[in-house]
Amino acid sequence: MTVVTVKLTHDLHMKTSSDLDIVIGAYGKNSVDSKIISRMRSKIRRREKQNAAAKD
């Protein structure tokens, strides 16, 4: 089950990331709102990397 869960989590992350790209594009890459969304996504990625490093 772990392998399945990890794959599903990865797939969800990739889909969500693509959806965020669409939203960022809709607002315009250089808009204030897009920059906020980009920062939120970066925080999530950093947190995931920290959690993965802690598990190793």
PDB file of N, CA and C in Angstrom:
ATOM      1  N   MET A   1       0.809  -1.199   0.000  1.00  0.00           N
ATOM      2  CA  MET A   1       0.000   0.000   0.000  1.00  0.00           C
ATOM      3  C   MET A   1       0.857   1.270   0.000  1.00  0.00           C
ATOM      4  N   THR A   2       2.025   1.198   0.606  1.00  0.00           N
ATOM      5  CA  THR A   2       2.879   2.386   0.649  1.00  0.00           C
ATOM      6  C   THR A   2       3.252   2.845  -0.755  1.00  0.00           C
ATOM      7  N   VAL A   3       3.617   1.906  -1.609  1.00  0.00           N
ATOM      8  CA  VAL A   3       4.003   2.256  -2.977  1.00  0.00           C
ATOM      9  C   VAL A   3       2.827   2.920  -3.703  1.00  0.00           C
ATOM     10  N   VAL A   4       1.646   2.370  -3.524  1.00  0.00           N
ATOM     11  CA  VAL A   4       0.454   2.932  -4.168  1.00  0.00           C
ATOM     12  C   VAL A   4       0.180   4.336  -3.630  1.00  0.00           C
ATOM     13  N   THR A   5       0.271   4.506  -2.331  1.00  0.00           N
ATOM     14  CA  THR A   5       0.007   5.804  -1.710  1.00  0.00           C
ATOM     15  C   THR A   5       1.017   6.855  -2.172  1.00  0.00           C
ATOM     16  N   VAL A   6       2.273   6.492  -2.235  1.00  0.00           N
ATOM     17  CA  VAL A   6       3.310   7.426  -2.681  1.00  0.00           C
ATOM     18  C   VAL A   6       3.059   7.837  -4.128  1.00  0.00           C
ATOM     19  N   LYS A   7       2.702   6.878  -4.982  1.00  0.00           N
ATOM     20  CA  LYS A   7       2.423   7.190  -6.380  1.00  0.00           C
ATOM     21  C   LYS A   7       1.211   8.120  -6.495  1.00  0.00           C
ATOM     22  N   LEU A   8       0.157   7.832  -5.757  1.00  0.00           N
ATOM     23  CA  LEU A   8      -1.029   8.680  -5.804  1.00  0.00           C
ATOM     24  C   LEU A   8      -0.735  10.096  -5.306  1.00  0.00           C
ATOM     25  N   THR A   9       0.069  10.195  -4.257  1.00  0.00           N
ATOM     26  CA  THR A   9       0.449  11.501  -3.727  1.00  0.00           C
ATOM     27  C   THR A   9       1.253  12.284  -4.759  1.00  0.00           C
ATOM     28  N   HIS A  10       2.175  11.601  -5.410  1.00  0.00           N
ATOM     29  CA  HIS A  10       2.975  12.251  -6.455  1.00  0.00           C
ATOM     30  C   HIS A  10       2.085  12.712  -7.606  1.00  0.00           C
ATOM     31  N   ASP A  11       1.190  11.846  -8.062  1.00  0.00           N
ATOM     32  CA  ASP A  11       0.275  12.206  -9.147  1.00  0.00           C
ATOM     33  C   ASP A  11      -0.588  13.404  -8.778  1.00  0.00           C
ATOM     34  N   LEU A  12      -1.079  13.433  -7.547  1.00  0.00           N
ATOM     35  CA  LEU A  12      -1.890  14.555  -7.077  1.00  0.00           C
ATOM     36  C   LEU A  12      -1.073  15.843  -7.067  1.00  0.00           C
ATOM     37  N   HIS A  13       0.161  15.747  -6.615  1.00  0.00           N
ATOM     38  CA  HIS A  13       1.036  16.919  -6.584  1.00  0.00           C
ATOM     39  C   HIS A  13       1.261  17.453  -7.991  1.00  0.00           C
ATOM     40  N   MET A  14       1.514  16.572  -8.949  1.00  0.00           N
ATOM     41  CA  MET A  14       1.758  16.999 -10.322  1.00  0.00           C
ATOM     42  C   MET A  14       0.514  17.658 -10.918  1.00  0.00           C
ATOM     43  N   LYS A  15      -0.652  17.087 -10.666  1.00  0.00           N
ATOM     44  CA  LYS A  15      -1.906  17.654 -11.182  1.00  0.00           C
ATOM     45  C   LYS A  15      -2.164  19.028 -10.566  1.00  0.00           C
ATOM     46  N   THR A  16      -1.984  19.113  -9.264  1.00  0.00           N
ATOM     47  CA  THR A  16      -2.216  20.378  -8.567  1.00  0.00           C
ATOM     48  C   THR A  16      -1.239  21.444  -9.044  1.00  0.00           C
ATOM     49  N   SER A  17       0.000  21.059  -9.253  1.00  0.00           N
ATOM     50  CA  SER A  17       1.007  22.001  -9.740  1.00  0.00           C
ATOM     51  C   SER A  17       0.612  22.537 -11.116  1.00  0.00           C
ATOM     52  N   SER A  18       0.126  21.652 -11.974  1.00  0.00           N
ATOM     53  CA  SER A  18      -0.327  22.089 -13.302  1.00  0.00           C
ATOM     54  C   SER A  18      -1.519  23.028 -13.197  1.00  0.00           C
ATOM     55  N   ASP A  19      -2.434  22.712 -12.295  1.00  0.00           N
ATOM     56  CA  ASP A  19      -3.601  23.583 -12.096  1.00  0.00           C
ATOM     57  C   ASP A  19      -3.173  24.965 -11.604  1.00  0.00           C
ATOM     58  N   LEU A  20      -2.187  25.000 -10.719  1.00  0.00           N
ATOM     59  CA  LEU A  20      -1.692  26.286 -10.231  1.00  0.00           C
ATOM     60  C   LEU A  20      -1.042  27.086 -11.358  1.00  0.00           C
ATOM     61  N   ASP A  21      -0.363  26.392 -12.276  1.00  0.00           N
ATOM     62  CA  ASP A  21       0.216  27.086 -13.428  1.00  0.00           C
ATOM     63  C   ASP A  21      -0.869  27.767 -14.255  1.00  0.00           C
ATOM     64  N   ILE A  22      -2.011  27.090 -14.397  1.00  0.00           N
ATOM     65  CA  ILE A  22      -3.128  27.670 -15.149  1.00  0.00           C
ATOM     66  C   ILE A  22      -3.646  28.923 -14.440  1.00  0.00           C
ATOM     67  N   VAL A  23      -3.788  28.842 -13.130  1.00  0.00           N
ATOM     68  CA  VAL A  23      -4.283  29.990 -12.359  1.00  0.00           C
ATOM     69  C   VAL A  23      -3.295  31.152 -12.435  1.00  0.00           C
ATOM     70  N   ILE A  24      -2.029  30.837 -12.294  1.00  0.00           N
ATOM     71  CA  ILE A  24      -0.999  31.881 -12.377  1.00  0.00           C
ATOM     72  C   ILE A  24      -1.043  32.547 -13.744  1.00  0.00           C
ATOM     73  N   GLY A  25      -1.194  31.750 -14.800  1.00  0.00           N
ATOM     74  CA  GLY A  25      -1.280  32.299 -16.142  1.00  0.00           C
ATOM     75  C   GLY A  25      -2.513  33.171 -16.331  1.00  0.00           C
ATOM     76  N   ALA A  26      -3.626  32.770 -15.714  1.00  0.00           N
ATOM     77  CA  ALA A  26      -4.860  33.543 -15.840  1.00  0.00           C
ATOM     78  C   ALA A  26      -4.723  34.925 -15.198  1.00  0.00           C
ATOM     79  N   TYR A  27      -3.998  34.981 -14.089  1.00  0.00           N
ATOM     80  CA  TYR A  27      -3.800  36.274 -13.426  1.00  0.00           C
ATOM     81  C   TYR A  27      -2.716  37.101 -14.110  1.00  0.00           C
ATOM     82  N   GLY A  28      -1.855  36.434 -14.851  1.00  0.00           N
ATOM     83  CA  GLY A  28      -0.712  37.115 -15.455  1.00  0.00           C
ATOM     84  C   GLY A  28       0.510  36.836 -14.598  1.00  0.00           C
ATOM     85  N   LYS A  29       1.563  36.371 -15.221  1.00  0.00           N
ATOM     86  CA  LYS A  29       2.740  35.911 -14.485  1.00  0.00           C
ATOM     87  C   LYS A  29       3.321  36.938 -13.518  1.00  0.00           C
ATOM     88  N   ASN A  30       3.226  38.181 -13.854  1.00  0.00           N
ATOM     89  CA  ASN A  30       3.862  39.215 -13.033  1.00  0.00           C
ATOM     90  C   ASN A  30       2.908  39.927 -12.083  1.00  0.00           C
ATOM     91  N   SER A  31       1.685  39.437 -11.978  1.00  0.00           N
ATOM     92  CA  SER A  31       0.728  40.087 -11.088  1.00  0.00           C
ATOM     93  C   SER A  31       1.034  39.752  -9.625  1.00  0.00           C
ATOM     94  N   VAL A  32       0.547  40.566  -8.753  1.00  0.00           N
ATOM     95  CA  VAL A  32       0.739  40.359  -7.314  1.00  0.00           C
ATOM     96  C   VAL A  32       0.127  39.021  -6.882  1.00  0.00           C
ATOM     97  N   ASP A  33      -1.079  38.738  -7.375  1.00  0.00           N
ATOM     98  CA  ASP A  33      -1.754  37.490  -6.997  1.00  0.00           C
ATOM     99  C   ASP A  33      -0.965  36.265  -7.446  1.00  0.00           C
ATOM    100  N   SER A  34      -0.419  36.305  -8.649  1.00  0.00           N
ATOM    101  CA  SER A  34       0.370  35.180  -9.149  1.00  0.00           C
ATOM    102  C   SER A  34       1.629  34.963  -8.314  1.00  0.00           C
ATOM    103  N   LYS A  35       2.227  36.042  -7.904  1.00  0.00           N
ATOM    104  CA  LYS A  35       3.433  35.921  -7.080  1.00  0.00           C
ATOM    105  C   LYS A  35       3.106  35.296  -5.723  1.00  0.00           C
ATOM    106  N   ILE A  36       1.949  35.623  -5.176  1.00  0.00           N
ATOM    107  CA  ILE A  36       1.527  35.034  -3.900  1.00  0.00           C
ATOM    108  C   ILE A  36       1.305  33.534  -4.072  1.00  0.00           C
ATOM    109  N   ILE A  37       0.624  33.154  -5.150  1.00  0.00           N
ATOM    110  CA  ILE A  37       0.364  31.737  -5.406  1.00  0.00           C
ATOM    111  C   ILE A  37       1.681  30.989  -5.610  1.00  0.00           C
ATOM    112  N   SER A  38       2.602  31.589  -6.346  1.00  0.00           N
ATOM    113  CA  SER A  38       3.907  30.962  -6.576  1.00  0.00           C
ATOM    114  C   SER A  38       4.662  30.756  -5.267  1.00  0.00           C
ATOM    115  N   ARG A  39       4.598  31.740  -4.377  1.00  0.00           N
ATOM    116  CA  ARG A  39       5.271  31.615  -3.077  1.00  0.00           C
ATOM    117  C   ARG A  39       4.648  30.498  -2.240  1.00  0.00           C
ATOM    118  N   MET A  40       3.323  30.400  -2.284  1.00  0.00           N
ATOM    119  CA  MET A  40       2.660  29.323  -1.535  1.00  0.00           C
ATOM    120  C   MET A  40       3.117  27.958  -2.051  1.00  0.00           C
ATOM    121  N   ARG A  41       3.187  27.807  -3.381  1.00  0.00           N
ATOM    122  CA  ARG A  41       3.626  26.534  -3.952  1.00  0.00           C
ATOM    123  C   ARG A  41       5.071  26.241  -3.558  1.00  0.00           C
ATOM    124  N   SER A  42       5.912  27.249  -3.559  1.00  0.00           N
ATOM    125  CA  SER A  42       7.312  27.053  -3.163  1.00  0.00           C
ATOM    126  C   SER A  42       7.424  26.604  -1.714  1.00  0.00           C
ATOM    127  N   LYS A  43       6.611  27.181  -0.835  1.00  0.00           N
ATOM    128  CA  LYS A  43       6.629  26.774   0.575  1.00  0.00           C
ATOM    129  C   LYS A  43       6.234  25.315   0.723  1.00  0.00           C
ATOM    130  N   ILE A  44       5.246  24.883  -0.043  1.00  0.00           N
ATOM    131  CA  ILE A  44       4.808  23.482   0.012  1.00  0.00           C
ATOM    132  C   ILE A  44       5.933  22.576  -0.458  1.00  0.00           C
ATOM    133  N   ARG A  45       6.597  22.935  -1.552  1.00  0.00           N
ATOM    134  CA  ARG A  45       7.698  22.118  -2.071  1.00  0.00           C
ATOM    135  C   ARG A  45       8.839  22.029  -1.060  1.00  0.00           C
ATOM    136  N   ARG A  46       9.190  23.163  -0.447  1.00  0.00           N
ATOM    137  CA  ARG A  46      10.279  23.148   0.540  1.00  0.00           C
ATOM    138  C   ARG A  46       9.917  22.250   1.715  1.00  0.00           C
ATOM    139  N   ARG A  47       8.673  22.333   2.165  1.00  0.00           N
ATOM    140  CA  ARG A  47       8.230  21.515   3.296  1.00  0.00           C
ATOM    141  C   ARG A  47       8.290  20.031   2.935  1.00  0.00           C
ATOM    142  N   GLU A  48       7.903  19.684   1.708  1.00  0.00           N
ATOM    143  CA  GLU A  48       7.963  18.292   1.270  1.00  0.00           C
ATOM    144  C   GLU A  48       9.405  17.798   1.242  1.00  0.00           C
ATOM    145  N   LYS A  49      10.308  18.632   0.757  1.00  0.00           N
ATOM    146  CA  LYS A  49      11.716  18.245   0.706  1.00  0.00           C
ATOM    147  C   LYS A  49      12.279  18.063   2.113  1.00  0.00           C
ATOM    148  N   GLN A  50      11.897  18.931   3.045  1.00  0.00           N
ATOM    149  CA  GLN A  50      12.359  18.810   4.421  1.00  0.00           C
ATOM    150  C   GLN A  50      11.838  17.520   5.049  1.00  0.00           C
ATOM    151  N   ASN A  51      10.571  17.209   4.807  1.00  0.00           N
ATOM    152  CA  ASN A  51       9.991  15.987   5.346  1.00  0.00           C
ATOM    153  C   ASN A  51      10.648  14.750   4.765  1.00  0.00           C
ATOM    154  N   ALA A  52      10.953  14.779   3.465  1.00  0.00           N
ATOM    155  CA  ALA A  52      11.603  13.649   2.823  1.00  0.00           C
ATOM    156  C   ALA A  52      13.028  13.465   3.376  1.00  0.00           C
ATOM    157  N   ALA A  53      13.724  14.578   3.613  1.00  0.00           N
ATOM    158  CA  ALA A  53      15.086  14.503   4.146  1.00  0.00           C
ATOM    159  C   ALA A  53      15.070  13.969   5.578  1.00  0.00           C
ATOM    160  N   ALA A  54      14.058  14.335   6.335  1.00  0.00           N
ATOM    161  CA  ALA A  54      13.963  13.867   7.719  1.00  0.00           C
ATOM    162  C   ALA A  54      13.711  12.361   7.791  1.00  0.00           C
ATOM    163  N   LYS A  55      13.031  11.831   6.782  1.00  0.00           N
ATOM    164  CA  LYS A  55      12.740  10.387   6.753  1.00  0.00           C
ATOM    165  C   LYS A  55      13.973   9.560   6.419  1.00  0.00           C
ATOM    166  N   ASP A  56      14.921  10.182   5.666  1.00  0.00           N
ATOM    167  CA  ASP A  56      16.138   9.452   5.256  1.00  0.00           C
ATOM    168  C   ASP A  56      17.075   9.311   6.371  1.00  0.00           C
TER     169      ASP A  56
END
